[in-house]
Amino acid sequence: MSALLITGVNGQVGFELQRSLAPLGKIVAMTRAEMDLSDVASILSVLGEHRPGIIVNPAAYTAVDRAESEKEQAMAVNATAPGVLARWAADNGAYLVHYSTDYVFDGMKADPYVESDPVNPQSVYGESKWLGEEAVRSAGAHHVILRTSWVYGHHGNNFLKTILRLAQERSALNVVADQIGAPTSAALIADVTRRIVEAVSGPNAPDLSGTYHLSAEGNTSWHGYAAHIVREASAKNFNLALKLDALKAISTAEYPTPAKRPQNSRLDCTKLINSFGLRLSAWQEGVTEVIERLSPASR
C-alpha cells in the first residue's frame, strides 16, 4: 500500500488513527504546524511532497461556540480544505476519508438521522462542516465521509474528561438533559476507519464511496452520560467530591450557548454496518474503557 497521510494527529481521532492504521503501511502523520489546513499552499506542498495513496482527514476547526465569531477560520479549515484535499485526490488517484458531524442536521427529527435526511445546520460550525462535505462530494475523488457525534477519548479535551475533573473539584453540577446522542470514542472511530481503508484498498476493491453515519450503539442525554461517568469513576477509585444525587438535570434553555446544539444527535448507522460488515459497540463500553485508562490505578 502506498503512503497513508493522516492530518491533525494531535487531535482526539488523529491520535488514535496513528495506532489503528499503523499496521497497514507507511504512515505520514501531520500536525497542524506541519500541515496548516487554513493555508491552501501548505496543503498542496505536503501532498506534493508525500504523494499519499490514501488521505485520512480528521483535522477540523471544532471550537463550536468560537466559530460563531471566527467564521472565516472555521470555513477555511472545515469547508475549503476538504475540497482541496479531495481535488488533489481526484487528480492523483488517491482515496480520501473525511469526517463530518451531526451538526449538519437541525436536531428536530424524532427518529435517528439517516444519511439521506435533509440537512439544516443551525451554527457556523455545522454549516462549515456541511460545505466541506459538499466540496468532497463534488470533487470526483473516491471517498468516504463519516458523520459522527459526541466524540471523546483519553487524549485531548472532551466532555468526559471535563466531567471527571469537575467531579473531583465540585460537590454539585448542572448538566443538560434534553439533548440526546451517542457518546462515541475516538478509538472506535479509528478502528472503523481501519476496516474501511482495508475494504477500499487494492486493485479489485469495490467502490464504496459515499456518506455514512458512525456512532456508538445506543443513546443517552448529556446528563445520563455524566451520570455514567461519575458511577464508573467512583468504581475505579477516583476521589470524587460529587455524588450522583448532586448531578442536577437542566434544560438547554437553562444553559444558553453562542452556537445552537441539536436536540437530537442520534445517527442511524445501518448503512455503514451493512456496507462494511461492522459491529458497533455500546457507548458505555468505550466510556468505561477510557475511564479505566485515566484511573489512578493505571498511572
C-alpha atoms as a PDB file:
ATOM      1  CA  MET A   1       0.000   0.000   0.000  1.00  0.00           C
ATOM      2  CA  SER A   2       1.284   3.490  -0.826  1.00  0.00           C
ATOM      3  CA  ALA A   3       1.770   6.097   1.890  1.00  0.00           C
ATOM      4  CA  LEU A   4      -1.197   6.893   4.099  1.00  0.00           C
ATOM      5  CA  LEU A   5      -1.366  10.520   5.213  1.00  0.00           C
ATOM      6  CA  ILE A   6      -3.225  11.489   8.403  1.00  0.00           C
ATOM      7  CA  THR A   7      -3.960  15.137   9.187  1.00  0.00           C
ATOM      8  CA  GLY A   8      -4.394  16.600  12.662  1.00  0.00           C
ATOM      9  CA  VAL A   9      -2.605  13.817  14.515  1.00  0.00           C
ATOM     10  CA  ASN A  10      -2.616  15.769  17.785  1.00  0.00           C
ATOM     11  CA  GLY A  11      -6.406  15.690  17.868  1.00  0.00           C
ATOM     12  CA  GLN A  12      -8.514  13.006  19.518  1.00  0.00           C
ATOM     13  CA  VAL A  13      -9.264  10.982  16.377  1.00  0.00           C
ATOM     14  CA  GLY A  14      -5.936  11.704  14.696  1.00  0.00           C
ATOM     15  CA  PHE A  15      -4.080  10.395  17.735  1.00  0.00           C
ATOM     16  CA  GLU A  16      -5.991   7.081  17.638  1.00  0.00           C
ATOM     17  CA  LEU A  17      -5.682   6.769  13.861  1.00  0.00           C
ATOM     18  CA  GLN A  18      -1.902   6.522  14.160  1.00  0.00           C
ATOM     19  CA  ARG A  19      -2.402   3.378  16.250  1.00  0.00           C
ATOM     20  CA  SER A  20      -5.165   1.799  14.185  1.00  0.00           C
ATOM     21  CA  LEU A  21      -3.678   2.448  10.741  1.00  0.00           C
ATOM     22  CA  ALA A  22      -0.017   1.701  11.555  1.00  0.00           C
ATOM     23  CA  PRO A  23      -0.250  -1.994  10.510  1.00  0.00           C
ATOM     24  CA  LEU A  24      -1.444  -1.008   7.041  1.00  0.00           C
ATOM     25  CA  GLY A  25       1.815   0.530   5.836  1.00  0.00           C
ATOM     26  CA  LYS A  26       3.809   3.744   5.845  1.00  0.00           C
ATOM     27  CA  ILE A  27       2.079   6.468   7.861  1.00  0.00           C
ATOM     28  CA  VAL A  28       2.692  10.157   7.200  1.00  0.00           C
ATOM     29  CA  ALA A  29       1.469  11.820  10.407  1.00  0.00           C
ATOM     30  CA  MET A  30       0.902  15.558  10.090  1.00  0.00           C
ATOM     31  CA  THR A  31       0.399  18.034  12.926  1.00  0.00           C
ATOM     32  CA  ARG A  32      -1.206  21.423  12.354  1.00  0.00           C
ATOM     33  CA  ALA A  33       2.237  23.025  12.400  1.00  0.00           C
ATOM     34  CA  GLU A  34       3.379  20.693   9.621  1.00  0.00           C
ATOM     35  CA  MET A  35       0.215  20.924   7.506  1.00  0.00           C
ATOM     36  CA  ASP A  36      -1.915  24.001   8.134  1.00  0.00           C
ATOM     37  CA  LEU A  37      -5.396  23.324   6.768  1.00  0.00           C
ATOM     38  CA  SER A  38      -6.194  27.035   6.813  1.00  0.00           C
ATOM     39  CA  ASP A  39      -3.435  27.531   4.204  1.00  0.00           C
ATOM     40  CA  VAL A  40      -4.051  26.045   0.747  1.00  0.00           C
ATOM     41  CA  ALA A  41      -0.377  26.380  -0.202  1.00  0.00           C
ATOM     42  CA  SER A  42       0.622  24.368   2.891  1.00  0.00           C
ATOM     43  CA  ILE A  43      -1.829  21.602   1.991  1.00  0.00           C
ATOM     44  CA  LEU A  44      -0.651  21.329  -1.606  1.00  0.00           C
ATOM     45  CA  SER A  45       3.013  21.436  -0.602  1.00  0.00           C
ATOM     46  CA  VAL A  46       2.619  18.493   1.801  1.00  0.00           C
ATOM     47  CA  LEU A  47       0.579  16.470  -0.683  1.00  0.00           C
ATOM     48  CA  GLY A  48       3.093  17.125  -3.437  1.00  0.00           C
ATOM     49  CA  GLU A  49       5.998  16.056  -1.237  1.00  0.00           C
ATOM     50  CA  HIS A  50       4.481  12.816   0.116  1.00  0.00           C
ATOM     51  CA  ARG A  51       2.052  11.848  -2.677  1.00  0.00           C
ATOM     52  CA  PRO A  52      -0.130   9.638  -0.471  1.00  0.00           C
ATOM     53  CA  GLY A  53      -2.373   6.950  -1.900  1.00  0.00           C
ATOM     54  CA  ILE A  54      -4.832   7.417   0.953  1.00  0.00           C
ATOM     55  CA  ILE A  55      -5.623  10.651   2.797  1.00  0.00           C
ATOM     56  CA  VAL A  56      -7.412  10.469   6.158  1.00  0.00           C
ATOM     57  CA  ASN A  57      -8.624  13.870   7.335  1.00  0.00           C
ATOM     58  CA  PRO A  58      -9.765  14.102  10.966  1.00  0.00           C
ATOM     59  CA  ALA A  59      -8.386  17.646  11.334  1.00  0.00           C
ATOM     60  CA  ALA A  60     -11.091  20.253  11.844  1.00  0.00           C
ATOM     61  CA  TYR A  61     -11.950  23.547  13.463  1.00  0.00           C
ATOM     62  CA  THR A  62     -14.003  22.200  16.383  1.00  0.00           C
ATOM     63  CA  ALA A  63     -14.464  25.224  18.680  1.00  0.00           C
ATOM     64  CA  VAL A  64     -18.227  25.202  18.125  1.00  0.00           C
ATOM     65  CA  ASP A  65     -19.068  28.366  20.047  1.00  0.00           C
ATOM     66  CA  ARG A  66     -15.994  30.332  18.988  1.00  0.00           C
ATOM     67  CA  ALA A  67     -16.806  29.586  15.343  1.00  0.00           C
ATOM     68  CA  GLU A  68     -19.754  31.976  15.637  1.00  0.00           C
ATOM     69  CA  SER A  69     -17.237  34.846  15.863  1.00  0.00           C
ATOM     70  CA  GLU A  70     -14.418  33.215  13.849  1.00  0.00           C
ATOM     71  CA  LYS A  71     -16.377  32.203  10.777  1.00  0.00           C
ATOM     72  CA  GLU A  72     -13.553  32.820   8.301  1.00  0.00           C
ATOM     73  CA  GLN A  73     -11.175  30.478  10.134  1.00  0.00           C
ATOM     74  CA  ALA A  74     -13.844  27.788  10.576  1.00  0.00           C
ATOM     75  CA  MET A  75     -14.746  27.937   6.893  1.00  0.00           C
ATOM     76  CA  ALA A  76     -11.107  27.768   5.782  1.00  0.00           C
ATOM     77  CA  VAL A  77     -10.411  24.578   7.750  1.00  0.00           C
ATOM     78  CA  ASN A  78     -13.793  22.834   7.589  1.00  0.00           C
ATOM     79  CA  ALA A  79     -15.130  23.884   4.180  1.00  0.00           C
ATOM     80  CA  THR A  80     -12.249  24.927   1.897  1.00  0.00           C
ATOM     81  CA  ALA A  81      -9.531  22.474   2.990  1.00  0.00           C
ATOM     82  CA  PRO A  82     -11.555  19.281   2.424  1.00  0.00           C
ATOM     83  CA  GLY A  83     -12.236  20.431  -1.130  1.00  0.00           C
ATOM     84  CA  VAL A  84      -8.512  20.999  -1.713  1.00  0.00           C
ATOM     85  CA  LEU A  85      -7.722  17.517  -0.392  1.00  0.00           C
ATOM     86  CA  ALA A  86     -10.478  15.929  -2.479  1.00  0.00           C
ATOM     87  CA  ARG A  87      -9.486  17.667  -5.714  1.00  0.00           C
ATOM     88  CA  TRP A  88      -5.871  16.593  -5.233  1.00  0.00           C
ATOM     89  CA  ALA A  89      -7.074  13.054  -4.541  1.00  0.00           C
ATOM     90  CA  ALA A  90      -9.181  13.088  -7.709  1.00  0.00           C
ATOM     91  CA  ASP A  91      -6.278  14.340  -9.821  1.00  0.00           C
ATOM     92  CA  ASN A  92      -3.782  11.868  -8.363  1.00  0.00           C
ATOM     93  CA  GLY A  93      -5.827   8.690  -7.918  1.00  0.00           C
ATOM     94  CA  ALA A  94      -5.835   8.852  -4.117  1.00  0.00           C
ATOM     95  CA  TYR A  95      -8.619   7.847  -1.732  1.00  0.00           C
ATOM     96  CA  LEU A  96      -9.989  10.308   0.853  1.00  0.00           C
ATOM     97  CA  VAL A  97     -11.582   9.503   4.209  1.00  0.00           C
ATOM     98  CA  HIS A  98     -13.133  12.633   5.714  1.00  0.00           C
ATOM     99  CA  TYR A  99     -15.075  13.192   8.943  1.00  0.00           C
ATOM    100  CA  SER A 100     -18.195  15.264   9.472  1.00  0.00           C
ATOM    101  CA  THR A 101     -20.769  15.771  12.195  1.00  0.00           C
ATOM    102  CA  ASP A 102     -24.354  15.511  13.388  1.00  0.00           C
ATOM    103  CA  TYR A 103     -24.368  19.340  13.449  1.00  0.00           C
ATOM    104  CA  VAL A 104     -25.253  19.319   9.734  1.00  0.00           C
ATOM    105  CA  PHE A 105     -28.796  18.492  10.947  1.00  0.00           C
ATOM    106  CA  ASP A 106     -31.083  20.776  12.946  1.00  0.00           C
ATOM    107  CA  GLY A 107     -31.806  18.098  15.547  1.00  0.00           C
ATOM    108  CA  MET A 108     -35.587  18.390  15.254  1.00  0.00           C
ATOM    109  CA  LYS A 109     -36.279  14.912  13.843  1.00  0.00           C
ATOM    110  CA  ALA A 110     -37.947  12.482  16.246  1.00  0.00           C
ATOM    111  CA  ASP A 111     -36.012   9.436  14.996  1.00  0.00           C
ATOM    112  CA  PRO A 112     -32.307   8.796  14.355  1.00  0.00           C
ATOM    113  CA  TYR A 113     -30.992  10.557  11.261  1.00  0.00           C
ATOM    114  CA  VAL A 114     -30.215   8.600   8.101  1.00  0.00           C
ATOM    115  CA  GLU A 115     -27.712   9.777   5.519  1.00  0.00           C
ATOM    116  CA  SER A 116     -30.377  10.940   3.052  1.00  0.00           C
ATOM    117  CA  ASP A 117     -32.224  13.189   5.517  1.00  0.00           C
ATOM    118  CA  PRO A 118     -32.274  16.900   4.589  1.00  0.00           C
ATOM    119  CA  VAL A 119     -29.559  18.930   6.269  1.00  0.00           C
ATOM    120  CA  ASN A 120     -30.247  22.192   8.073  1.00  0.00           C
ATOM    121  CA  PRO A 121     -27.230  23.324  10.087  1.00  0.00           C
ATOM    122  CA  GLN A 122     -28.014  25.774  12.888  1.00  0.00           C
ATOM    123  CA  SER A 123     -24.491  27.040  13.574  1.00  0.00           C
ATOM    124  CA  VAL A 124     -21.407  28.281  11.749  1.00  0.00           C
ATOM    125  CA  TYR A 125     -19.647  25.070  12.723  1.00  0.00           C
ATOM    126  CA  GLY A 126     -22.443  22.923  11.278  1.00  0.00           C
ATOM    127  CA  GLU A 127     -22.595  24.996   8.109  1.00  0.00           C
ATOM    128  CA  SER A 128     -18.824  24.799   7.627  1.00  0.00           C
ATOM    129  CA  LYS A 129     -18.834  21.013   8.002  1.00  0.00           C
ATOM    130  CA  TRP A 130     -21.727  20.661   5.548  1.00  0.00           C
ATOM    131  CA  LEU A 131     -19.914  22.794   2.965  1.00  0.00           C
ATOM    132  CA  GLY A 132     -16.836  20.613   3.473  1.00  0.00           C
ATOM    133  CA  GLU A 133     -18.904  17.506   2.745  1.00  0.00           C
ATOM    134  CA  GLU A 134     -20.250  19.071  -0.425  1.00  0.00           C
ATOM    135  CA  ALA A 135     -16.758  20.053  -1.549  1.00  0.00           C
ATOM    136  CA  VAL A 136     -15.580  16.460  -1.120  1.00  0.00           C
ATOM    137  CA  ARG A 137     -18.562  15.004  -2.960  1.00  0.00           C
ATOM    138  CA  SER A 138     -18.249  17.405  -5.896  1.00  0.00           C
ATOM    139  CA  ALA A 139     -14.501  16.852  -6.440  1.00  0.00           C
ATOM    140  CA  GLY A 140     -14.927  13.449  -8.062  1.00  0.00           C
ATOM    141  CA  ALA A 141     -12.464  11.559  -5.860  1.00  0.00           C
ATOM    142  CA  HIS A 142     -13.126   8.126  -4.400  1.00  0.00           C
ATOM    143  CA  HIS A 143     -14.075   8.989  -0.843  1.00  0.00           C
ATOM    144  CA  VAL A 144     -15.854   8.049   2.367  1.00  0.00           C
ATOM    145  CA  ILE A 145     -17.412  10.750   4.544  1.00  0.00           C
ATOM    146  CA  LEU A 146     -18.098   9.649   8.125  1.00  0.00           C
ATOM    147  CA  ARG A 147     -20.558  11.725  10.126  1.00  0.00           C
ATOM    148  CA  THR A 148     -20.055  11.171  13.837  1.00  0.00           C
ATOM    149  CA  SER A 149     -21.064  12.758  17.140  1.00  0.00           C
ATOM    150  CA  TRP A 150     -20.160  13.362  20.792  1.00  0.00           C
ATOM    151  CA  VAL A 151     -16.524  12.325  20.277  1.00  0.00           C
ATOM    152  CA  TYR A 152     -14.249  11.703  23.258  1.00  0.00           C
ATOM    153  CA  GLY A 153     -11.034   9.852  24.071  1.00  0.00           C
ATOM    154  CA  HIS A 154      -8.269   9.567  26.647  1.00  0.00           C
ATOM    155  CA  HIS A 155      -6.200  12.012  24.555  1.00  0.00           C
ATOM    156  CA  GLY A 156      -7.213  15.652  24.201  1.00  0.00           C
ATOM    157  CA  ASN A 157     -10.022  17.687  25.735  1.00  0.00           C
ATOM    158  CA  ASN A 158     -13.615  16.500  25.783  1.00  0.00           C
ATOM    159  CA  PHE A 159     -16.815  16.244  27.836  1.00  0.00           C
ATOM    160  CA  LEU A 160     -15.793  13.035  29.596  1.00  0.00           C
ATOM    161  CA  LYS A 161     -12.524  14.477  30.885  1.00  0.00           C
ATOM    162  CA  THR A 162     -14.220  17.745  31.855  1.00  0.00           C
ATOM    163  CA  ILE A 163     -16.829  15.902  33.940  1.00  0.00           C
ATOM    164  CA  LEU A 164     -14.109  13.792  35.564  1.00  0.00           C
ATOM    165  CA  ARG A 165     -12.193  16.924  36.534  1.00  0.00           C
ATOM    166  CA  LEU A 166     -15.250  18.816  37.786  1.00  0.00           C
ATOM    167  CA  ALA A 167     -16.496  15.785  39.742  1.00  0.00           C
ATOM    168  CA  GLN A 168     -13.237  15.864  41.700  1.00  0.00           C
ATOM    169  CA  GLU A 169     -13.424  19.633  42.267  1.00  0.00           C
ATOM    170  CA  ARG A 170     -17.120  20.333  42.922  1.00  0.00           C
ATOM    171  CA  SER A 171     -19.855  18.895  45.096  1.00  0.00           C
ATOM    172  CA  ALA A 172     -22.678  19.777  42.655  1.00  0.00           C
ATOM    173  CA  LEU A 173     -23.050  20.064  38.864  1.00  0.00           C
ATOM    174  CA  ASN A 174     -25.787  21.044  36.404  1.00  0.00           C
ATOM    175  CA  VAL A 175     -25.870  19.101  33.100  1.00  0.00           C
ATOM    176  CA  VAL A 176     -28.231  19.431  30.139  1.00  0.00           C
ATOM    177  CA  ALA A 177     -30.724  16.555  29.924  1.00  0.00           C
ATOM    178  CA  ASP A 178     -32.812  17.353  26.821  1.00  0.00           C
ATOM    179  CA  GLN A 179     -30.147  16.785  24.135  1.00  0.00           C
ATOM    180  CA  ILE A 180     -29.829  13.146  23.039  1.00  0.00           C
ATOM    181  CA  GLY A 181     -26.974  11.363  21.274  1.00  0.00           C
ATOM    182  CA  ALA A 182     -24.389   8.596  21.434  1.00  0.00           C
ATOM    183  CA  PRO A 183     -21.010   9.259  23.067  1.00  0.00           C
ATOM    184  CA  THR A 184     -18.554   7.862  20.507  1.00  0.00           C
ATOM    185  CA  SER A 185     -14.941   7.090  21.317  1.00  0.00           C
ATOM    186  CA  ALA A 186     -12.080   8.214  19.121  1.00  0.00           C
ATOM    187  CA  ALA A 187     -10.770   4.643  19.358  1.00  0.00           C
ATOM    188  CA  LEU A 188     -13.973   3.247  17.841  1.00  0.00           C
ATOM    189  CA  ILE A 189     -13.851   5.803  15.031  1.00  0.00           C
ATOM    190  CA  ALA A 190     -10.219   4.922  14.331  1.00  0.00           C
ATOM    191  CA  ASP A 191     -10.864   1.171  14.352  1.00  0.00           C
ATOM    192  CA  VAL A 192     -13.807   1.545  11.962  1.00  0.00           C
ATOM    193  CA  THR A 193     -11.631   3.707   9.725  1.00  0.00           C
ATOM    194  CA  ARG A 194      -9.076   0.911   9.516  1.00  0.00           C
ATOM    195  CA  ARG A 195     -11.795  -1.507   8.378  1.00  0.00           C
ATOM    196  CA  ILE A 196     -12.882   0.980   5.739  1.00  0.00           C
ATOM    197  CA  VAL A 197      -9.353   1.572   4.460  1.00  0.00           C
ATOM    198  CA  GLU A 198      -8.800  -2.183   4.226  1.00  0.00           C
ATOM    199  CA  ALA A 199     -12.082  -2.606   2.339  1.00  0.00           C
ATOM    200  CA  VAL A 200     -11.427   0.093  -0.257  1.00  0.00           C
ATOM    201  CA  SER A 201      -7.735  -0.631  -0.871  1.00  0.00           C
ATOM    202  CA  GLY A 202      -6.339  -2.792  -3.627  1.00  0.00           C
ATOM    203  CA  PRO A 203      -6.922  -3.093  -7.366  1.00  0.00           C
ATOM    204  CA  ASN A 204     -10.148  -5.123  -7.088  1.00  0.00           C
ATOM    205  CA  ALA A 205     -11.693  -3.263  -4.171  1.00  0.00           C
ATOM    206  CA  PRO A 206     -15.362  -2.260  -4.529  1.00  0.00           C
ATOM    207  CA  ASP A 207     -16.241   1.405  -4.913  1.00  0.00           C
ATOM    208  CA  LEU A 208     -17.940   2.163  -1.613  1.00  0.00           C
ATOM    209  CA  SER A 209     -17.705   5.934  -1.992  1.00  0.00           C
ATOM    210  CA  GLY A 210     -20.372   7.836  -0.125  1.00  0.00           C
ATOM    211  CA  THR A 211     -21.538   9.339   3.132  1.00  0.00           C
ATOM    212  CA  TYR A 212     -22.010   7.153   6.212  1.00  0.00           C
ATOM    213  CA  HIS A 213     -23.089   7.636   9.811  1.00  0.00           C
ATOM    214  CA  LEU A 214     -20.775   6.379  12.556  1.00  0.00           C
ATOM    215  CA  SER A 215     -21.609   6.477  16.246  1.00  0.00           C
ATOM    216  CA  ALA A 216     -21.582   4.026  19.115  1.00  0.00           C
ATOM    217  CA  GLU A 217     -24.629   1.826  19.752  1.00  0.00           C
ATOM    218  CA  GLY A 218     -27.422   3.220  21.926  1.00  0.00           C
ATOM    219  CA  ASN A 219     -28.065   6.747  23.128  1.00  0.00           C
ATOM    220  CA  THR A 220     -28.321   8.916  26.210  1.00  0.00           C
ATOM    221  CA  SER A 221     -28.536  12.562  27.270  1.00  0.00           C
ATOM    222  CA  TRP A 222     -25.581  14.672  28.367  1.00  0.00           C
ATOM    223  CA  HIS A 223     -26.907  14.250  31.908  1.00  0.00           C
ATOM    224  CA  GLY A 224     -27.142  10.467  31.513  1.00  0.00           C
ATOM    225  CA  TYR A 225     -23.632  10.448  30.056  1.00  0.00           C
ATOM    226  CA  ALA A 226     -22.313  12.455  33.015  1.00  0.00           C
ATOM    227  CA  ALA A 227     -24.046  10.130  35.490  1.00  0.00           C
ATOM    228  CA  HIS A 228     -22.403   7.110  33.871  1.00  0.00           C
ATOM    229  CA  ILE A 229     -19.008   8.829  34.054  1.00  0.00           C
ATOM    230  CA  VAL A 230     -19.479   9.552  37.775  1.00  0.00           C
ATOM    231  CA  ARG A 231     -20.598   5.974  38.535  1.00  0.00           C
ATOM    232  CA  GLU A 232     -17.675   4.443  36.635  1.00  0.00           C
ATOM    233  CA  ALA A 233     -15.136   6.872  38.096  1.00  0.00           C
ATOM    234  CA  SER A 234     -16.366   6.091  41.591  1.00  0.00           C
ATOM    235  CA  ALA A 235     -15.967   2.375  40.887  1.00  0.00           C
ATOM    236  CA  LYS A 236     -12.426   2.994  39.593  1.00  0.00           C
ATOM    237  CA  ASN A 237     -11.308   4.711  42.811  1.00  0.00           C
ATOM    238  CA  PHE A 238     -11.331   8.324  41.641  1.00  0.00           C
ATOM    239  CA  ASN A 239     -11.558  10.657  44.630  1.00  0.00           C
ATOM    240  CA  LEU A 240     -14.842  12.384  43.785  1.00  0.00           C
ATOM    241  CA  ALA A 241     -16.339  15.379  45.575  1.00  0.00           C
ATOM    242  CA  LEU A 242     -19.534  14.948  43.531  1.00  0.00           C
ATOM    243  CA  LYS A 243     -22.278  12.478  44.470  1.00  0.00           C
ATOM    244  CA  LEU A 244     -24.830  11.267  41.914  1.00  0.00           C
ATOM    245  CA  ASP A 245     -27.740  12.929  43.693  1.00  0.00           C
ATOM    246  CA  ALA A 246     -25.959  16.285  43.295  1.00  0.00           C
ATOM    247  CA  LEU A 247     -25.834  15.923  39.497  1.00  0.00           C
ATOM    248  CA  LYS A 248     -28.797  18.093  38.502  1.00  0.00           C
ATOM    249  CA  ALA A 249     -30.600  17.709  35.168  1.00  0.00           C
ATOM    250  CA  ILE A 250     -31.312  21.040  33.450  1.00  0.00           C
ATOM    251  CA  SER A 251     -32.799  22.120  30.106  1.00  0.00           C
ATOM    252  CA  THR A 252     -30.989  23.595  27.113  1.00  0.00           C
ATOM    253  CA  ALA A 253     -32.800  26.869  27.821  1.00  0.00           C
ATOM    254  CA  GLU A 254     -31.124  26.978  31.240  1.00  0.00           C
ATOM    255  CA  TYR A 255     -27.665  26.670  29.665  1.00  0.00           C
ATOM    256  CA  PRO A 256     -27.510  29.089  26.690  1.00  0.00           C
ATOM    257  CA  THR A 257     -24.530  28.901  24.336  1.00  0.00           C
ATOM    258  CA  PRO A 258     -23.456  31.076  21.360  1.00  0.00           C
ATOM    259  CA  ALA A 259     -23.947  28.139  18.943  1.00  0.00           C
ATOM    260  CA  LYS A 260     -27.207  26.201  18.929  1.00  0.00           C
ATOM    261  CA  ARG A 261     -26.852  22.483  19.677  1.00  0.00           C
ATOM    262  CA  PRO A 262     -29.016  19.792  18.028  1.00  0.00           C
ATOM    263  CA  GLN A 263     -31.536  18.319  20.471  1.00  0.00           C
ATOM    264  CA  ASN A 264     -31.459  15.023  18.593  1.00  0.00           C
ATOM    265  CA  SER A 265     -27.966  13.904  17.582  1.00  0.00           C
ATOM    266  CA  ARG A 266     -28.847  10.235  17.087  1.00  0.00           C
ATOM    267  CA  LEU A 267     -27.409   8.758  13.892  1.00  0.00           C
ATOM    268  CA  ASP A 268     -28.706   5.625  12.166  1.00  0.00           C
ATOM    269  CA  CYS A 269     -25.589   3.596  11.273  1.00  0.00           C
ATOM    270  CA  THR A 270     -27.304   0.782   9.340  1.00  0.00           C
ATOM    271  CA  LYS A 271     -25.733   1.764   6.015  1.00  0.00           C
ATOM    272  CA  LEU A 272     -22.209   1.676   7.469  1.00  0.00           C
ATOM    273  CA  ILE A 273     -22.786  -1.614   9.315  1.00  0.00           C
ATOM    274  CA  ASN A 274     -24.171  -3.356   6.228  1.00  0.00           C
ATOM    275  CA  SER A 275     -21.652  -1.922   3.748  1.00  0.00           C
ATOM    276  CA  PHE A 276     -18.543  -2.819   5.750  1.00  0.00           C
ATOM    277  CA  GLY A 277     -19.727  -5.763   7.879  1.00  0.00           C
ATOM    278  CA  LEU A 278     -19.218  -3.968  11.174  1.00  0.00           C
ATOM    279  CA  ARG A 279     -20.359  -4.285  14.759  1.00  0.00           C
ATOM    280  CA  LEU A 280     -20.510  -1.024  16.690  1.00  0.00           C
ATOM    281  CA  SER A 281     -20.023  -1.337  20.434  1.00  0.00           C
ATOM    282  CA  ALA A 282     -22.372   0.176  23.014  1.00  0.00           C
ATOM    283  CA  TRP A 283     -21.469   3.714  24.042  1.00  0.00           C
ATOM    284  CA  GLN A 284     -20.993   2.616  27.660  1.00  0.00           C
ATOM    285  CA  GLU A 285     -18.171   0.239  26.685  1.00  0.00           C
ATOM    286  CA  GLY A 286     -15.981   2.970  25.254  1.00  0.00           C
ATOM    287  CA  VAL A 287     -16.642   5.337  28.148  1.00  0.00           C
ATOM    288  CA  THR A 288     -15.704   2.691  30.697  1.00  0.00           C
ATOM    289  CA  GLU A 289     -12.528   1.835  28.764  1.00  0.00           C
ATOM    290  CA  VAL A 290     -11.342   5.450  28.708  1.00  0.00           C
ATOM    291  CA  ILE A 291     -12.100   5.943  32.406  1.00  0.00           C
ATOM    292  CA  GLU A 292     -10.074   2.809  33.176  1.00  0.00           C
ATOM    293  CA  ARG A 293      -7.129   4.257  31.219  1.00  0.00           C
ATOM    294  CA  LEU A 294      -7.417   7.524  33.139  1.00  0.00           C
ATOM    295  CA  SER A 295      -7.911   5.917  36.542  1.00  0.00           C
ATOM    296  CA  PRO A 296      -5.408   6.432  39.368  1.00  0.00           C
ATOM    297  CA  ALA A 297      -4.663   2.702  39.351  1.00  0.00           C
ATOM    298  CA  SER A 298      -3.426   2.793  35.756  1.00  0.00           C
ATOM    299  CA  ARG A 299      -0.984   5.663  36.253  1.00  0.00           C
END
